[in-house]
Protein backbone atom coordinates (compact mmCIF):
# COMPACT_ATOMS: atom_id res chain seq x y z
CA VAL A 1 123.93 103.19 106.49
CA SER A 2 120.24 102.79 107.25
CA HIS A 3 116.72 102.31 105.84
CA ASN A 4 115.28 104.33 108.76
CA MET A 5 114.42 107.53 106.83
CA GLY A 6 113.05 109.21 110.15
CA ALA A 7 116.17 108.86 112.05
CA ILE A 8 118.38 109.99 108.97
CA ALA A 9 116.10 113.05 108.67
CA ASP A 10 116.63 113.79 112.45
CA LEU A 11 120.27 112.97 112.78
CA CYS A 12 121.80 114.22 109.19
CA GLU A 13 121.92 117.40 107.51
CA LYS A 14 123.54 115.60 104.13
CA ALA A 15 123.01 112.13 103.03
CA ILE A 16 124.26 109.79 100.22
CA LEU A 17 121.85 107.57 98.28
CA LEU A 18 123.77 104.59 97.02
CA ASP A 19 122.46 101.97 94.45
CA GLN A 20 124.65 98.83 94.15
CA GLY A 21 127.60 100.84 95.48
CA ASN A 22 127.13 103.66 93.01
CA ILE A 23 126.42 107.11 94.31
CA VAL A 24 122.93 108.32 93.01
CA GLU A 25 122.35 111.36 94.97
CA PHE A 26 124.47 113.52 97.44
CA GLY A 27 123.57 116.65 99.21
CA ASN A 28 120.66 117.86 101.50
CA VAL A 29 119.21 115.08 103.48
CA HIS A 30 115.59 115.87 102.58
CA LYS A 31 116.27 116.06 99.09
CA VAL A 32 118.04 112.65 99.10
CA ILE A 33 115.30 111.09 101.20
CA SER A 34 112.77 112.26 98.64
CA LYS A 35 114.76 110.86 95.64
CA TYR A 36 114.95 107.44 97.57
CA ALA A 37 111.25 107.42 98.27
CA LYS A 38 110.59 108.10 94.50
CA SER A 39 112.69 104.93 93.63
CA PHE A 40 109.75 102.81 94.73
CA THR A 41 107.62 101.30 92.22
CA TYR A 42 103.84 101.88 92.94
CA ASN A 43 101.23 99.39 92.02
CA SER A 44 97.54 99.83 92.76
CA LEU A 45 97.35 95.96 93.59
CA ILE A 46 99.64 94.36 96.17
CA LYS A 47 99.68 90.80 96.72
CA ILE A 48 101.25 89.75 99.85
CA ASN A 49 103.02 86.48 100.69
CA SER A 50 101.02 85.07 103.32
CA SER A 51 102.64 83.06 106.07
CA SER A 52 101.25 79.85 107.39
CA ASN A 53 99.90 81.64 110.47
CA ASN A 54 97.07 79.45 111.83
CA MET A 55 95.20 82.51 113.10
CA GLY A 56 95.10 84.39 110.00
CA ASN A 57 96.81 86.66 107.59
CA ILE A 58 96.59 89.69 105.22
CA SER A 59 96.41 88.35 101.67
CA LYS A 60 96.23 91.54 99.63
CA MET A 61 95.76 95.38 99.45
CA TRP A 62 94.72 97.55 96.77
CA ILE A 63 94.11 101.25 96.34
CA SER A 64 91.28 102.99 94.60
CA ASP A 65 89.36 106.10 94.15
CA GLU A 66 85.82 106.53 95.47
CA ASN A 67 84.34 104.91 92.33
CA ASN A 68 86.42 101.58 93.13
CA ASN A 69 88.76 102.35 90.18
CA GLN A 70 92.28 101.01 90.96
CA LYS A 71 94.96 103.60 90.79
CA GLU A 72 98.30 104.48 92.31
CA SER A 73 98.47 108.16 91.69
CA PHE A 74 95.96 110.77 92.87
CA ASP A 75 95.57 114.48 92.87
CA ILE A 76 95.52 116.25 96.32
CA SER A 77 91.84 116.99 95.92
CA GLU A 78 90.83 113.19 95.62
CA PRO A 79 90.08 110.80 98.70
CA ILE A 80 91.97 107.69 98.75
CA HIS A 81 90.46 104.22 99.71
CA ILE A 82 92.91 101.48 100.83
CA HIS A 83 91.45 98.08 100.64
CA ILE A 84 92.66 95.34 102.98
CA GLU A 85 91.72 91.55 102.33
CA TYR A 86 92.45 89.29 105.06
CA GLU A 87 91.48 85.89 106.24
CA VAL A 88 90.58 84.82 109.80
CA LYS A 89 91.41 81.22 110.38
CA GLU A 90 89.93 80.57 113.94
CA ARG A 91 87.59 82.65 116.15
CA LEU A 92 89.41 85.68 117.23
CA PRO A 93 88.52 88.11 120.34
CA GLN A 94 89.17 91.71 119.71
CA LEU A 95 90.83 91.54 116.34
CA GLN A 96 91.96 94.75 114.91
CA ILE A 97 93.42 95.69 111.55
CA THR A 98 95.70 98.70 111.30
CA MET A 99 96.85 100.97 108.64
CA THR A 100 100.11 102.94 108.79
CA LEU A 101 101.13 105.81 106.12
CA ALA A 102 104.54 106.83 105.76
CA LYS A 103 106.14 109.54 103.83
CA ASP A 104 110.05 109.88 103.37
CA GLY A 105 110.43 107.08 105.88
CA ILE A 106 108.27 109.04 108.54
CA SER A 107 105.11 107.24 109.76
CA ILE A 108 102.43 110.07 109.88
CA VAL A 109 99.11 108.35 110.39
CA HIS A 110 98.44 105.25 112.22
CA SER A 111 94.82 104.09 112.41
CA PHE A 112 93.03 100.94 113.69
CA ASP A 113 89.62 99.66 112.02
CA THR A 114 88.21 99.68 115.48
CA ASP A 115 88.92 103.30 116.51
CA GLY A 116 85.15 103.99 116.23
CA ASP A 117 83.98 100.98 118.21
CA GLU A 118 83.20 101.28 121.83
CA ILE A 119 83.54 97.45 122.53
CA LEU A 120 85.78 95.09 120.55
CA LYS A 121 83.98 92.04 118.90
CA MET A 122 84.56 88.43 118.60
CA ILE A 123 85.41 87.85 114.85
CA GLU A 124 84.37 84.48 113.09
CA PRO A 125 86.59 82.67 110.68
CA GLY A 126 86.33 83.77 107.05
CA ILE A 127 87.68 86.23 104.54
CA TYR A 128 87.10 89.89 105.02
CA GLU A 129 87.74 93.22 103.18
CA ALA A 130 88.28 96.23 105.36
CA VAL A 131 88.65 99.69 103.58
CA CYS A 132 90.59 102.57 104.95
CA ILE A 133 89.45 106.11 103.57
CA PHE A 134 91.61 109.21 103.72
CA PRO A 135 89.63 112.32 102.79
CA GLU A 136 90.75 114.52 100.06
CA MET A 137 92.93 117.72 100.96
CA PHE A 138 94.44 115.83 103.85
CA LEU A 139 97.78 114.37 102.57
CA LYS A 140 100.20 116.74 100.91
CA SER A 141 101.89 115.88 97.67
CA GLY A 142 104.34 113.11 97.75
CA ASN A 143 105.07 109.38 97.71
CA TYR A 144 103.36 107.24 100.48
CA ASN A 145 104.36 103.86 101.75
CA ILE A 146 101.68 101.63 103.43
CA ARG A 147 101.79 98.93 106.18
CA SER A 148 98.96 96.89 107.47
CA ASN A 149 99.02 94.79 110.65
CA MET A 150 96.45 92.23 112.13
CA GLY A 151 96.30 91.30 115.67
CA ILE A 152 94.49 91.10 119.03
CA PRO A 153 95.48 93.00 122.21
CA LYS A 154 99.24 92.10 122.83
CA VAL A 155 99.48 89.56 119.96
CA LEU A 156 100.64 90.47 116.58
CA ILE A 157 99.21 87.95 114.06
CA PHE A 158 100.47 89.36 110.81
CA ASP A 159 102.56 92.37 109.53
CA THR A 160 102.93 93.32 105.90
CA GLY A 161 105.69 95.51 106.56
CA PHE A 162 106.06 98.77 104.68
CA MET A 163 105.60 98.62 100.87
CA PRO A 164 105.16 101.02 98.31
CA GLY A 165 101.63 102.36 98.20
CA PHE A 166 100.60 105.52 96.19
CA SER A 167 101.50 108.99 95.17
CA ILE A 168 99.67 112.26 95.52
CA ARG A 169 100.36 115.16 92.82
CA GLU A 170 99.27 118.74 92.51
CA MET A 171 97.79 117.71 89.07
CA PHE A 172 94.48 119.68 89.41
CA THR A 173 95.18 121.96 92.42
CA ASN A 174 97.21 125.01 92.32
CA THR A 175 99.09 125.22 95.63
CA SER A 176 101.54 128.00 94.62
CA ASP A 177 100.14 130.40 97.20
CA LYS A 178 98.93 127.60 99.82
CA SER A 179 100.50 126.52 102.99
CA TYR A 180 100.25 122.90 101.71
CA LYS A 181 102.49 123.29 98.63
CA MET A 182 104.60 120.15 98.64
CA GLU A 183 107.98 122.03 99.33
CA ARG A 184 106.71 123.81 102.29
CA GLU A 185 106.83 122.71 105.98
CA GLY A 186 104.33 120.20 107.48
CA LEU A 187 103.43 116.66 106.54
CA VAL A 188 99.55 117.13 106.12
CA VAL A 189 97.14 119.72 104.83
CA SER A 190 96.31 121.89 107.99
CA PRO A 191 92.96 121.63 109.32
CA ALA A 192 93.33 125.11 111.04
CA ILE A 193 90.69 127.57 110.65
CA TRP A 194 91.76 131.30 110.60
CA ASN A 195 89.53 134.23 111.51
CA THR A 196 90.96 137.79 111.02
CA ILE A 197 89.41 141.06 112.07
CA LYS A 198 90.56 144.72 111.49
CA LYS A 199 91.19 146.49 114.90
């Protein structure tokens, strides 16, 4: 019995999904994991119970399109903006905010807000908003959970834990003859570029 979907997917061929002792789904492990992931309720605004940490905390996250309209369901052709509001309560050297995306219990993307910085800076007390943008045609259809952390090197200050995030659907994009159709292998839309010549 586990909530670690990645481990279940690696170790098992079949799975049983239970809800209060009742069998909801039994069969192929990937089908059962997908049903489990769909059981989450998605909400474009996520308020977080902030701890009394005296260094800082993450207070809320929300998900929007490129026009800042809050939403929780996207077409595969739309970019996704994940907003993270956090408070810094004292001067913090080398503060980093992270975003992790998971699908069916498997973490597929992990990103720091400082990945593009050469030098990590001192952050002054205050309330900040960071936005993590995932481009269109990157994530395949499915349900995604999100997790954010704040910390300084070797010190975790705040962890939201995984929570329901958003869904991506093939609403406007026909993927029937594409490699990134939801049912096909792989977790993201392939960035590979093919060249074929007749010999």
